[in-house]
Amino acid sequence: MSLNDVSKWHKRMSVVYAFGVWSMIASYAFFKYTGRYDDAPVLKGKPEDQQEEEDENTVVYKTPHSKTVIIYKKDFVPYTTRIYNFIKSFSGEPGTGDK
């Protein structure tokens, strides 16, 4: 690789880097101008007032910033358990299918 090629490569990467930086600055300015970085709007109802039905197949993870609800199927078996049982079936030990 000659010195001229290194110089061209350096200039091209500088342009790519500058484009990335300026697009980040422009995105921040756009979101700040449109108000998308402002505080979240106030909800019309208190979350404590809204009752959810408790189900044994429902798991709720609450954090200060988010709430995640996972609903499992009735006879759900995780993939890790399925793979473990499949590999276990190749061993000589009696398993759930050998009884």
C-alpha atoms as a PDB file:
ATOM      1  CA  MET A   1       0.000   0.000   0.000  1.00  0.00           C
ATOM      2  CA  SER A   2       1.559   3.246  -1.073  1.00  0.00           C
ATOM      3  CA  LEU A   3       1.569   6.525   0.805  1.00  0.00           C
ATOM      4  CA  ASN A   4      -0.928   8.002  -1.647  1.00  0.00           C
ATOM      5  CA  ASP A   5      -3.397   5.164  -0.956  1.00  0.00           C
ATOM      6  CA  VAL A   6      -3.095   5.691   2.797  1.00  0.00           C
ATOM      7  CA  SER A   7      -3.820   9.386   2.359  1.00  0.00           C
ATOM      8  CA  LYS A   8      -6.950   8.652   0.274  1.00  0.00           C
ATOM      9  CA  TRP A   9      -8.157   6.107   2.832  1.00  0.00           C
ATOM     10  CA  HIS A  10      -7.627   8.592   5.665  1.00  0.00           C
ATOM     11  CA  LYS A  11      -9.603  11.315   3.851  1.00  0.00           C
ATOM     12  CA  ARG A  12     -12.475   8.949   3.084  1.00  0.00           C
ATOM     13  CA  MET A  13     -12.725   7.750   6.686  1.00  0.00           C
ATOM     14  CA  SER A  14     -12.618  11.360   7.875  1.00  0.00           C
ATOM     15  CA  VAL A  15     -15.600  12.154   5.656  1.00  0.00           C
ATOM     16  CA  VAL A  16     -17.513   9.127   6.980  1.00  0.00           C
ATOM     17  CA  TYR A  17     -16.750  10.101  10.575  1.00  0.00           C
ATOM     18  CA  ALA A  18     -17.745  13.740   9.984  1.00  0.00           C
ATOM     19  CA  PHE A  19     -21.012  12.632   8.369  1.00  0.00           C
ATOM     20  CA  GLY A  20     -21.826  10.454  11.375  1.00  0.00           C
ATOM     21  CA  VAL A  21     -21.064  13.182  13.894  1.00  0.00           C
ATOM     22  CA  TRP A  22     -23.060  15.817  12.044  1.00  0.00           C
ATOM     23  CA  SER A  23     -26.035  13.497  11.623  1.00  0.00           C
ATOM     24  CA  MET A  24     -26.006  12.822  15.392  1.00  0.00           C
ATOM     25  CA  ILE A  25     -25.902  16.557  16.125  1.00  0.00           C
ATOM     26  CA  ALA A  26     -28.699  17.217  13.632  1.00  0.00           C
ATOM     27  CA  SER A  27     -30.850  14.423  15.119  1.00  0.00           C
ATOM     28  CA  TYR A  28     -30.416  15.811  18.623  1.00  0.00           C
ATOM     29  CA  ALA A  29     -31.292  19.318  17.451  1.00  0.00           C
ATOM     30  CA  PHE A  30     -34.362  18.056  15.582  1.00  0.00           C
ATOM     31  CA  PHE A  31     -35.691  16.086  18.564  1.00  0.00           C
ATOM     32  CA  LYS A  32     -34.981  18.983  20.921  1.00  0.00           C
ATOM     33  CA  TYR A  33     -36.744  21.401  18.543  1.00  0.00           C
ATOM     34  CA  THR A  34     -39.822  19.174  18.134  1.00  0.00           C
ATOM     35  CA  GLY A  35     -40.033  18.580  21.883  1.00  0.00           C
ATOM     36  CA  ARG A  36     -39.533  14.828  21.925  1.00  0.00           C
ATOM     37  CA  TYR A  37     -36.834  15.122  24.605  1.00  0.00           C
ATOM     38  CA  ASP A  38     -39.177  16.922  27.005  1.00  0.00           C
ATOM     39  CA  ASP A  39     -40.665  15.236  30.050  1.00  0.00           C
ATOM     40  CA  ALA A  40     -43.262  12.527  29.533  1.00  0.00           C
ATOM     41  CA  PRO A  41     -46.893  13.671  29.478  1.00  0.00           C
ATOM     42  CA  VAL A  42     -48.964  13.238  32.627  1.00  0.00           C
ATOM     43  CA  LEU A  43     -51.299  10.246  32.594  1.00  0.00           C
ATOM     44  CA  LYS A  44     -55.004  10.927  33.103  1.00  0.00           C
ATOM     45  CA  GLY A  45     -55.446   8.093  35.568  1.00  0.00           C
ATOM     46  CA  LYS A  46     -53.306   6.880  38.396  1.00  0.00           C
ATOM     47  CA  PRO A  47     -51.663   3.532  37.678  1.00  0.00           C
ATOM     48  CA  GLU A  48     -52.508   2.418  41.218  1.00  0.00           C
ATOM     49  CA  ASP A  49     -56.215   2.783  40.472  1.00  0.00           C
ATOM     50  CA  GLN A  50     -56.078   0.428  37.520  1.00  0.00           C
ATOM     51  CA  GLN A  51     -56.385  -3.127  38.793  1.00  0.00           C
ATOM     52  CA  GLU A  52     -55.140  -5.999  36.710  1.00  0.00           C
ATOM     53  CA  GLU A  53     -56.438  -9.491  37.109  1.00  0.00           C
ATOM     54  CA  GLU A  54     -53.911 -11.794  38.700  1.00  0.00           C
ATOM     55  CA  ASP A  55     -53.198 -14.949  36.746  1.00  0.00           C
ATOM     56  CA  GLU A  56     -50.762 -17.721  37.516  1.00  0.00           C
ATOM     57  CA  ASN A  57     -49.504 -17.617  33.922  1.00  0.00           C
ATOM     58  CA  THR A  58     -48.764 -13.889  34.080  1.00  0.00           C
ATOM     59  CA  VAL A  59     -45.512 -12.446  35.405  1.00  0.00           C
ATOM     60  CA  VAL A  60     -45.155  -8.681  35.883  1.00  0.00           C
ATOM     61  CA  TYR A  61     -41.745  -7.007  36.196  1.00  0.00           C
ATOM     62  CA  LYS A  62     -41.974  -3.399  37.416  1.00  0.00           C
ATOM     63  CA  THR A  63     -39.097  -0.947  37.453  1.00  0.00           C
ATOM     64  CA  PRO A  64     -39.190   2.808  38.021  1.00  0.00           C
ATOM     65  CA  HIS A  65     -39.009   3.351  34.258  1.00  0.00           C
ATOM     66  CA  SER A  66     -40.903   0.456  32.733  1.00  0.00           C
ATOM     67  CA  LYS A  67     -43.412  -2.293  33.291  1.00  0.00           C
ATOM     68  CA  THR A  68     -43.096  -5.628  31.511  1.00  0.00           C
ATOM     69  CA  VAL A  69     -45.891  -8.199  31.446  1.00  0.00           C
ATOM     70  CA  ILE A  70     -45.063 -11.744  30.348  1.00  0.00           C
ATOM     71  CA  ILE A  71     -47.970 -14.099  29.679  1.00  0.00           C
ATOM     72  CA  TYR A  72     -47.070 -17.777  29.441  1.00  0.00           C
ATOM     73  CA  LYS A  73     -49.165 -20.389  27.660  1.00  0.00           C
ATOM     74  CA  LYS A  74     -51.035 -22.879  29.823  1.00  0.00           C
ATOM     75  CA  ASP A  75     -48.640 -25.826  29.424  1.00  0.00           C
ATOM     76  CA  PHE A  76     -45.542 -23.822  28.556  1.00  0.00           C
ATOM     77  CA  VAL A  77     -42.172 -25.581  28.711  1.00  0.00           C
ATOM     78  CA  PRO A  78     -39.097 -23.345  28.299  1.00  0.00           C
ATOM     79  CA  TYR A  79     -36.752 -24.111  25.421  1.00  0.00           C
ATOM     80  CA  THR A  80     -33.863 -24.735  27.783  1.00  0.00           C
ATOM     81  CA  THR A  81     -35.859 -27.477  29.510  1.00  0.00           C
ATOM     82  CA  ARG A  82     -36.815 -28.989  26.157  1.00  0.00           C
ATOM     83  CA  ILE A  83     -33.194 -29.078  25.008  1.00  0.00           C
ATOM     84  CA  TYR A  84     -32.072 -30.514  28.359  1.00  0.00           C
ATOM     85  CA  ASN A  85     -34.684 -33.284  28.186  1.00  0.00           C
ATOM     86  CA  PHE A  86     -33.744 -34.033  24.563  1.00  0.00           C
ATOM     87  CA  ILE A  87     -30.042 -34.405  25.403  1.00  0.00           C
ATOM     88  CA  LYS A  88     -30.893 -36.358  28.540  1.00  0.00           C
ATOM     89  CA  SER A  89     -32.864 -38.856  26.433  1.00  0.00           C
ATOM     90  CA  PHE A  90     -29.631 -39.977  24.739  1.00  0.00           C
ATOM     91  CA  SER A  91     -28.064 -41.038  28.037  1.00  0.00           C
ATOM     92  CA  GLY A  92     -28.692 -44.463  29.507  1.00  0.00           C
ATOM     93  CA  GLU A  93     -30.592 -43.062  32.461  1.00  0.00           C
ATOM     94  CA  PRO A  94     -34.348 -43.513  32.542  1.00  0.00           C
ATOM     95  CA  GLY A  95     -36.115 -40.291  31.740  1.00  0.00           C
ATOM     96  CA  THR A  96     -39.683 -39.128  31.417  1.00  0.00           C
ATOM     97  CA  GLY A  97     -40.198 -40.964  28.115  1.00  0.00           C
ATOM     98  CA  ASP A  98     -38.689 -44.302  29.256  1.00  0.00           C
ATOM     99  CA  LYS A  99     -41.123 -45.029  32.094  1.00  0.00           C
END
